[in-house]
Amino acid sequence: MAQAFQAAQGQPNWVVRIVVLTFLLVIGIPILLLLLVAGLAAAMVFMVLSTINWIMVRLGGSTPKDDGRRNVRVIKRD
């Protein structure tokens, strides 16, 4: 009898199970879905901006020798 009582105490009761299930349904799953959507949106933005950069580099040709620097002395090292 004591073993059954100890086993019953070790198990979460039905109220705790309902609270955990409700939390997962109301809070947990929507947060995971929002994180998934945010990750996909970030990946799409990264791909679009990378493609735009690649196109601009291809169309722009090579950069000038000074690379946009002014009043800078470049030290060439051997």
PDB file of N, CA and C in Angstrom:
ATOM      1  N   MET A   1       0.825  -1.191   0.000  1.00  0.00           N
ATOM      2  CA  MET A   1       0.000   0.000   0.000  1.00  0.00           C
ATOM      3  C   MET A   1       0.868   1.254   0.000  1.00  0.00           C
ATOM      4  N   ALA A   2       1.948   1.234   0.758  1.00  0.00           N
ATOM      5  CA  ALA A   2       2.820   2.399   0.838  1.00  0.00           C
ATOM      6  C   ALA A   2       3.506   2.650  -0.502  1.00  0.00           C
ATOM      7  N   GLN A   3       3.829   1.575  -1.206  1.00  0.00           N
ATOM      8  CA  GLN A   3       4.476   1.748  -2.510  1.00  0.00           C
ATOM      9  C   GLN A   3       3.528   2.404  -3.507  1.00  0.00           C
ATOM     10  N   ALA A   4       2.274   2.038  -3.478  1.00  0.00           N
ATOM     11  CA  ALA A   4       1.288   2.652  -4.368  1.00  0.00           C
ATOM     12  C   ALA A   4       1.109   4.124  -4.032  1.00  0.00           C
ATOM     13  N   PHE A   5       1.132   4.457  -2.757  1.00  0.00           N
ATOM     14  CA  PHE A   5       0.986   5.854  -2.346  1.00  0.00           C
ATOM     15  C   PHE A   5       2.190   6.679  -2.810  1.00  0.00           C
ATOM     16  N   GLN A   6       3.387   6.122  -2.668  1.00  0.00           N
ATOM     17  CA  GLN A   6       4.583   6.833  -3.108  1.00  0.00           C
ATOM     18  C   GLN A   6       4.596   6.995  -4.621  1.00  0.00           C
ATOM     19  N   ALA A   7       4.146   5.996  -5.346  1.00  0.00           N
ATOM     20  CA  ALA A   7       4.085   6.093  -6.803  1.00  0.00           C
ATOM     21  C   ALA A   7       3.070   7.141  -7.226  1.00  0.00           C
ATOM     22  N   ALA A   8       1.965   7.226  -6.502  1.00  0.00           N
ATOM     23  CA  ALA A   8       0.942   8.224  -6.825  1.00  0.00           C
ATOM     24  C   ALA A   8       1.448   9.628  -6.549  1.00  0.00           C
ATOM     25  N   GLN A   9       2.232   9.787  -5.503  1.00  0.00           N
ATOM     26  CA  GLN A   9       2.772  11.111  -5.199  1.00  0.00           C
ATOM     27  C   GLN A   9       3.819  11.529  -6.223  1.00  0.00           C
ATOM     28  N   GLY A  10       4.530  10.600  -6.788  1.00  0.00           N
ATOM     29  CA  GLY A  10       5.567  10.911  -7.770  1.00  0.00           C
ATOM     30  C   GLY A  10       5.009  11.333  -9.112  1.00  0.00           C
ATOM     31  N   GLN A  11       3.776  10.979  -9.409  1.00  0.00           N
ATOM     32  CA  GLN A  11       3.147  11.327 -10.682  1.00  0.00           C
ATOM     33  C   GLN A  11       2.504  12.710 -10.589  1.00  0.00           C
ATOM     34  N   PRO A  12       2.631  13.534 -11.637  1.00  0.00           N
ATOM     35  CA  PRO A  12       1.917  14.815 -11.616  1.00  0.00           C
ATOM     36  C   PRO A  12       0.415  14.569 -11.742  1.00  0.00           C
ATOM     37  N   ASN A  13      -0.354  15.347 -11.011  1.00  0.00           N
ATOM     38  CA  ASN A  13      -1.798  15.135 -11.041  1.00  0.00           C
ATOM     39  C   ASN A  13      -2.403  15.726 -12.309  1.00  0.00           C
ATOM     40  N   TRP A  14      -3.674  15.546 -12.490  1.00  0.00           N
ATOM     41  CA  TRP A  14      -4.338  15.939 -13.727  1.00  0.00           C
ATOM     42  C   TRP A  14      -4.355  17.456 -13.911  1.00  0.00           C
ATOM     43  N   VAL A  15      -4.358  18.202 -12.820  1.00  0.00           N
ATOM     44  CA  VAL A  15      -4.370  19.664 -12.936  1.00  0.00           C
ATOM     45  C   VAL A  15      -3.050  20.151 -13.529  1.00  0.00           C
ATOM     46  N   VAL A  16      -1.954  19.586 -13.050  1.00  0.00           N
ATOM     47  CA  VAL A  16      -0.639  19.982 -13.564  1.00  0.00           C
ATOM     48  C   VAL A  16      -0.526  19.617 -15.044  1.00  0.00           C
ATOM     49  N   ARG A  17      -1.024  18.463 -15.406  1.00  0.00           N
ATOM     50  CA  ARG A  17      -0.973  18.055 -16.811  1.00  0.00           C
ATOM     51  C   ARG A  17      -1.783  19.004 -17.690  1.00  0.00           C
ATOM     52  N   ILE A  18      -2.958  19.408 -17.234  1.00  0.00           N
ATOM     53  CA  ILE A  18      -3.791  20.336 -18.011  1.00  0.00           C
ATOM     54  C   ILE A  18      -3.119  21.697 -18.121  1.00  0.00           C
ATOM     55  N   VAL A  19      -2.496  22.155 -17.033  1.00  0.00           N
ATOM     56  CA  VAL A  19      -1.811  23.455 -17.061  1.00  0.00           C
ATOM     57  C   VAL A  19      -0.644  23.420 -18.044  1.00  0.00           C
ATOM     58  N   VAL A  20       0.135  22.362 -18.025  1.00  0.00           N
ATOM     59  CA  VAL A  20       1.278  22.251 -18.938  1.00  0.00           C
ATOM     60  C   VAL A  20       0.799  22.166 -20.382  1.00  0.00           C
ATOM     61  N   LEU A  21      -0.225  21.380 -20.635  1.00  0.00           N
ATOM     62  CA  LEU A  21      -0.769  21.256 -21.985  1.00  0.00           C
ATOM     63  C   LEU A  21      -1.337  22.587 -22.477  1.00  0.00           C
ATOM     64  N   THR A  22      -2.044  23.294 -21.600  1.00  0.00           N
ATOM     65  CA  THR A  22      -2.601  24.601 -21.968  1.00  0.00           C
ATOM     66  C   THR A  22      -1.484  25.596 -22.265  1.00  0.00           C
ATOM     67  N   PHE A  23      -0.428  25.583 -21.443  1.00  0.00           N
ATOM     68  CA  PHE A  23       0.699  26.478 -21.685  1.00  0.00           C
ATOM     69  C   PHE A  23       1.321  26.201 -23.048  1.00  0.00           C
ATOM     70  N   LEU A  24       1.517  24.925 -23.356  1.00  0.00           N
ATOM     71  CA  LEU A  24       2.120  24.587 -24.645  1.00  0.00           C
ATOM     72  C   LEU A  24       1.234  25.010 -25.806  1.00  0.00           C
ATOM     73  N   LEU A  25      -0.062  24.821 -25.673  1.00  0.00           N
ATOM     74  CA  LEU A  25      -0.969  25.172 -26.766  1.00  0.00           C
ATOM     75  C   LEU A  25      -1.117  26.679 -26.931  1.00  0.00           C
ATOM     76  N   VAL A  26      -1.156  27.418 -25.821  1.00  0.00           N
ATOM     77  CA  VAL A  26      -1.436  28.854 -25.891  1.00  0.00           C
ATOM     78  C   VAL A  26      -0.162  29.679 -26.049  1.00  0.00           C
ATOM     79  N   ILE A  27       0.904  29.292 -25.392  1.00  0.00           N
ATOM     80  CA  ILE A  27       2.131  30.104 -25.384  1.00  0.00           C
ATOM     81  C   ILE A  27       3.255  29.443 -26.187  1.00  0.00           C
ATOM     82  N   GLY A  28       3.528  28.207 -25.921  1.00  0.00           N
ATOM     83  CA  GLY A  28       4.710  27.550 -26.479  1.00  0.00           C
ATOM     84  C   GLY A  28       4.692  27.386 -27.981  1.00  0.00           C
ATOM     85  N   ILE A  29       3.629  26.833 -28.524  1.00  0.00           N
ATOM     86  CA  ILE A  29       3.558  26.583 -29.968  1.00  0.00           C
ATOM     87  C   ILE A  29       3.550  27.880 -30.777  1.00  0.00           C
ATOM     88  N   PRO A  30       2.767  28.911 -30.391  1.00  0.00           N
ATOM     89  CA  PRO A  30       2.844  30.166 -31.160  1.00  0.00           C
ATOM     90  C   PRO A  30       4.227  30.813 -31.142  1.00  0.00           C
ATOM     91  N   ILE A  31       4.920  30.737 -30.015  1.00  0.00           N
ATOM     92  CA  ILE A  31       6.273  31.312 -29.961  1.00  0.00           C
ATOM     93  C   ILE A  31       7.206  30.545 -30.898  1.00  0.00           C
ATOM     94  N   LEU A  32       7.105  29.228 -30.905  1.00  0.00           N
ATOM     95  CA  LEU A  32       7.938  28.443 -31.822  1.00  0.00           C
ATOM     96  C   LEU A  32       7.614  28.749 -33.280  1.00  0.00           C
ATOM     97  N   LEU A  33       6.333  28.921 -33.586  1.00  0.00           N
ATOM     98  CA  LEU A  33       5.951  29.261 -34.962  1.00  0.00           C
ATOM     99  C   LEU A  33       6.463  30.646 -35.354  1.00  0.00           C
ATOM    100  N   LEU A  34       6.390  31.608 -34.429  1.00  0.00           N
ATOM    101  CA  LEU A  34       6.918  32.947 -34.716  1.00  0.00           C
ATOM    102  C   LEU A  34       8.427  32.904 -34.945  1.00  0.00           C
ATOM    103  N   LEU A  35       9.135  32.115 -34.148  1.00  0.00           N
ATOM    104  CA  LEU A  35      10.579  31.986 -34.350  1.00  0.00           C
ATOM    105  C   LEU A  35      10.894  31.339 -35.693  1.00  0.00           C
ATOM    106  N   LEU A  36      10.102  30.362 -36.083  1.00  0.00           N
ATOM    107  CA  LEU A  36      10.297  29.714 -37.380  1.00  0.00           C
ATOM    108  C   LEU A  36      10.066  30.691 -38.523  1.00  0.00           C
ATOM    109  N   VAL A  37       9.000  31.483 -38.438  1.00  0.00           N
ATOM    110  CA  VAL A  37       8.704  32.472 -39.482  1.00  0.00           C
ATOM    111  C   VAL A  37       9.798  33.535 -39.530  1.00  0.00           C
ATOM    112  N   ALA A  38      10.264  33.983 -38.361  1.00  0.00           N
ATOM    113  CA  ALA A  38      11.329  34.989 -38.327  1.00  0.00           C
ATOM    114  C   ALA A  38      12.616  34.444 -38.942  1.00  0.00           C
ATOM    115  N   GLY A  39      12.937  33.193 -38.668  1.00  0.00           N
ATOM    116  CA  GLY A  39      14.129  32.587 -39.261  1.00  0.00           C
ATOM    117  C   GLY A  39      14.025  32.472 -40.768  1.00  0.00           C
ATOM    118  N   LEU A  40      12.861  32.068 -41.256  1.00  0.00           N
ATOM    119  CA  LEU A  40      12.665  31.981 -42.708  1.00  0.00           C
ATOM    120  C   LEU A  40      12.737  33.359 -43.362  1.00  0.00           C
ATOM    121  N   ALA A  41      12.137  34.362 -42.717  1.00  0.00           N
ATOM    122  CA  ALA A  41      12.186  35.721 -43.266  1.00  0.00           C
ATOM    123  C   ALA A  41      13.623  36.236 -43.299  1.00  0.00           C
ATOM    124  N   ALA A  42      14.387  35.978 -42.252  1.00  0.00           N
ATOM    125  CA  ALA A  42      15.785  36.418 -42.220  1.00  0.00           C
ATOM    126  C   ALA A  42      16.596  35.736 -43.313  1.00  0.00           C
ATOM    127  N   ALA A  43      16.352  34.460 -43.530  1.00  0.00           N
ATOM    128  CA  ALA A  43      17.069  33.743 -44.588  1.00  0.00           C
ATOM    129  C   ALA A  43      16.716  34.299 -45.963  1.00  0.00           C
ATOM    130  N   MET A  44      15.442  34.612 -46.175  1.00  0.00           N
ATOM    131  CA  MET A  44      15.023  35.175 -47.464  1.00  0.00           C
ATOM    132  C   MET A  44      15.658  36.543 -47.693  1.00  0.00           C
ATOM    133  N   VAL A  45      15.653  37.397 -46.669  1.00  0.00           N
ATOM    134  CA  VAL A  45      16.264  38.726 -46.799  1.00  0.00           C
ATOM    135  C   VAL A  45      17.753  38.581 -47.092  1.00  0.00           C
ATOM    136  N   PHE A  46      18.427  37.674 -46.403  1.00  0.00           N
ATOM    137  CA  PHE A  46      19.850  37.457 -46.642  1.00  0.00           C
ATOM    138  C   PHE A  46      20.104  37.013 -48.075  1.00  0.00           C
ATOM    139  N   MET A  47      19.292  36.101 -48.581  1.00  0.00           N
ATOM    140  CA  MET A  47      19.479  35.625 -49.952  1.00  0.00           C
ATOM    141  C   MET A  47      19.219  36.733 -50.965  1.00  0.00           C
ATOM    142  N   VAL A  48      18.174  37.537 -50.749  1.00  0.00           N
ATOM    143  CA  VAL A  48      17.859  38.622 -51.685  1.00  0.00           C
ATOM    144  C   VAL A  48      18.974  39.659 -51.683  1.00  0.00           C
ATOM    145  N   LEU A  49      19.427  40.062 -50.494  1.00  0.00           N
ATOM    146  CA  LEU A  49      20.497  41.062 -50.428  1.00  0.00           C
ATOM    147  C   LEU A  49      21.813  40.519 -50.990  1.00  0.00           C
ATOM    148  N   SER A  50      22.088  39.249 -50.772  1.00  0.00           N
ATOM    149  CA  SER A  50      23.297  38.651 -51.355  1.00  0.00           C
ATOM    150  C   SER A  50      23.222  38.639 -52.874  1.00  0.00           C
ATOM    151  N   THR A  51      22.053  38.343 -53.410  1.00  0.00           N
ATOM    152  CA  THR A  51      21.877  38.342 -54.861  1.00  0.00           C
ATOM    153  C   THR A  51      22.033  39.746 -55.426  1.00  0.00           C
ATOM    154  N   ILE A  52      21.455  40.736 -54.756  1.00  0.00           N
ATOM    155  CA  ILE A  52      21.593  42.126 -55.209  1.00  0.00           C
ATOM    156  C   ILE A  52      23.059  42.543 -55.180  1.00  0.00           C
ATOM    157  N   ASN A  53      23.770  42.184 -54.128  1.00  0.00           N
ATOM    158  CA  ASN A  53      25.190  42.519 -54.029  1.00  0.00           C
ATOM    159  C   ASN A  53      25.981  41.840 -55.140  1.00  0.00           C
ATOM    160  N   TRP A  54      25.693  40.585 -55.418  1.00  0.00           N
ATOM    161  CA  TRP A  54      26.388  39.852 -56.471  1.00  0.00           C
ATOM    162  C   TRP A  54      26.156  40.513 -57.824  1.00  0.00           C
ATOM    163  N   ILE A  55      24.917  40.927 -58.086  1.00  0.00           N
ATOM    164  CA  ILE A  55      24.594  41.587 -59.358  1.00  0.00           C
ATOM    165  C   ILE A  55      25.312  42.928 -59.458  1.00  0.00           C
ATOM    166  N   MET A  56      25.328  43.694 -58.372  1.00  0.00           N
ATOM    167  CA  MET A  56      25.990  45.004 -58.400  1.00  0.00           C
ATOM    168  C   MET A  56      27.489  44.862 -58.624  1.00  0.00           C
ATOM    169  N   VAL A  57      28.096  43.849 -58.035  1.00  0.00           N
ATOM    170  CA  VAL A  57      29.530  43.632 -58.229  1.00  0.00           C
ATOM    171  C   VAL A  57      29.804  43.239 -59.672  1.00  0.00           C
ATOM    172  N   ARG A  58      28.967  42.386 -60.239  1.00  0.00           N
ATOM    173  CA  ARG A  58      29.159  41.951 -61.628  1.00  0.00           C
ATOM    174  C   ARG A  58      28.953  43.104 -62.608  1.00  0.00           C
ATOM    175  N   LEU A  59      27.970  43.953 -62.370  1.00  0.00           N
ATOM    176  CA  LEU A  59      27.693  45.057 -63.286  1.00  0.00           C
ATOM    177  C   LEU A  59      28.622  46.243 -63.069  1.00  0.00           C
ATOM    178  N   GLY A  60      29.110  46.406 -61.854  1.00  0.00           N
ATOM    179  CA  GLY A  60      29.943  47.559 -61.525  1.00  0.00           C
ATOM    180  C   GLY A  60      31.361  47.444 -62.017  1.00  0.00           C
ATOM    181  N   GLY A  61      31.785  46.283 -62.362  1.00  0.00           N
ATOM    182  CA  GLY A  61      33.165  46.105 -62.801  1.00  0.00           C
ATOM    183  C   GLY A  61      34.104  46.123 -61.612  1.00  0.00           C
ATOM    184  N   SER A  62      35.375  46.341 -61.910  1.00  0.00           N
ATOM    185  CA  SER A  62      36.354  46.349 -60.827  1.00  0.00           C
ATOM    186  C   SER A  62      36.359  47.707 -60.140  1.00  0.00           C
ATOM    187  N   THR A  63      36.787  47.725 -58.914  1.00  0.00           N
ATOM    188  CA  THR A  63      36.859  48.971 -58.150  1.00  0.00           C
ATOM    189  C   THR A  63      38.134  49.710 -58.528  1.00  0.00           C
ATOM    190  N   PRO A  64      38.143  51.018 -58.370  1.00  0.00           N
ATOM    191  CA  PRO A  64      39.366  51.767 -58.666  1.00  0.00           C
ATOM    192  C   PRO A  64      40.487  51.380 -57.705  1.00  0.00           C
ATOM    193  N   LYS A  65      41.717  51.749 -58.097  1.00  0.00           N
ATOM    194  CA  LYS A  65      42.867  51.336 -57.302  1.00  0.00           C
ATOM    195  C   LYS A  65      42.846  51.889 -55.885  1.00  0.00           C
ATOM    196  N   ASP A  66      42.269  53.080 -55.709  1.00  0.00           N
ATOM    197  CA  ASP A  66      42.281  53.659 -54.361  1.00  0.00           C
ATOM    198  C   ASP A  66      41.149  53.115 -53.484  1.00  0.00           C
ATOM    199  N   ASP A  67      40.228  52.367 -54.078  1.00  0.00           N
ATOM    200  CA  ASP A  67      39.113  51.755 -53.341  1.00  0.00           C
ATOM    201  C   ASP A  67      38.311  52.780 -52.545  1.00  0.00           C
ATOM    202  N   GLY A  68      38.257  53.998 -53.031  1.00  0.00           N
ATOM    203  CA  GLY A  68      37.467  55.020 -52.357  1.00  0.00           C
ATOM    204  C   GLY A  68      38.188  55.731 -51.232  1.00  0.00           C
ATOM    205  N   ARG A  69      39.481  55.469 -51.062  1.00  0.00           N
ATOM    206  CA  ARG A  69      40.221  56.118 -49.973  1.00  0.00           C
ATOM    207  C   ARG A  69      40.686  57.497 -50.416  1.00  0.00           C
ATOM    208  N   ARG A  70      40.697  58.411 -49.472  1.00  0.00           N
ATOM    209  CA  ARG A  70      41.224  59.754 -49.729  1.00  0.00           C
ATOM    210  C   ARG A  70      42.166  60.127 -48.594  1.00  0.00           C
ATOM    211  N   ASN A  71      43.211  60.820 -48.934  1.00  0.00           N
ATOM    212  CA  ASN A  71      44.191  61.276 -47.947  1.00  0.00           C
ATOM    213  C   ASN A  71      44.739  60.117 -47.111  1.00  0.00           C
ATOM    214  N   VAL A  72      44.954  58.997 -47.763  1.00  0.00           N
ATOM    215  CA  VAL A  72      45.509  57.833 -47.075  1.00  0.00           C
ATOM    216  C   VAL A  72      46.697  57.356 -47.887  1.00  0.00           C
ATOM    217  N   ARG A  73      47.788  57.173 -47.214  1.00  0.00           N
ATOM    218  CA  ARG A  73      48.960  56.658 -47.888  1.00  0.00           C
ATOM    219  C   ARG A  73      49.020  55.151 -47.677  1.00  0.00           C
ATOM    220  N   VAL A  74      49.016  54.421 -48.764  1.00  0.00           N
ATOM    221  CA  VAL A  74      49.028  52.969 -48.684  1.00  0.00           C
ATOM    222  C   VAL A  74      50.466  52.502 -48.620  1.00  0.00           C
ATOM    223  N   ILE A  75      50.772  51.720 -47.623  1.00  0.00           N
ATOM    224  CA  ILE A  75      52.115  51.178 -47.460  1.00  0.00           C
ATOM    225  C   ILE A  75      52.130  49.793 -48.078  1.00  0.00           C
ATOM    226  N   LYS A  76      52.926  49.632 -49.120  1.00  0.00           N
ATOM    227  CA  LYS A  76      53.028  48.324 -49.764  1.00  0.00           C
ATOM    228  C   LYS A  76      54.146  47.550 -49.096  1.00  0.00           C
ATOM    229  N   ARG A  77      53.824  46.377 -48.634  1.00  0.00           N
ATOM    230  CA  ARG A  77      54.808  45.556 -47.934  1.00  0.00           C
ATOM    231  C   ARG A  77      55.229  44.405 -48.821  1.00  0.00           C
ATOM    232  N   ASP A  78      56.478  44.042 -48.718  1.00  0.00           N
ATOM    233  CA  ASP A  78      57.014  42.944 -49.540  1.00  0.00           C
ATOM    234  C   ASP A  78      56.780  41.620 -48.897  1.00  0.00           C
TER     235      ASP A  78
END
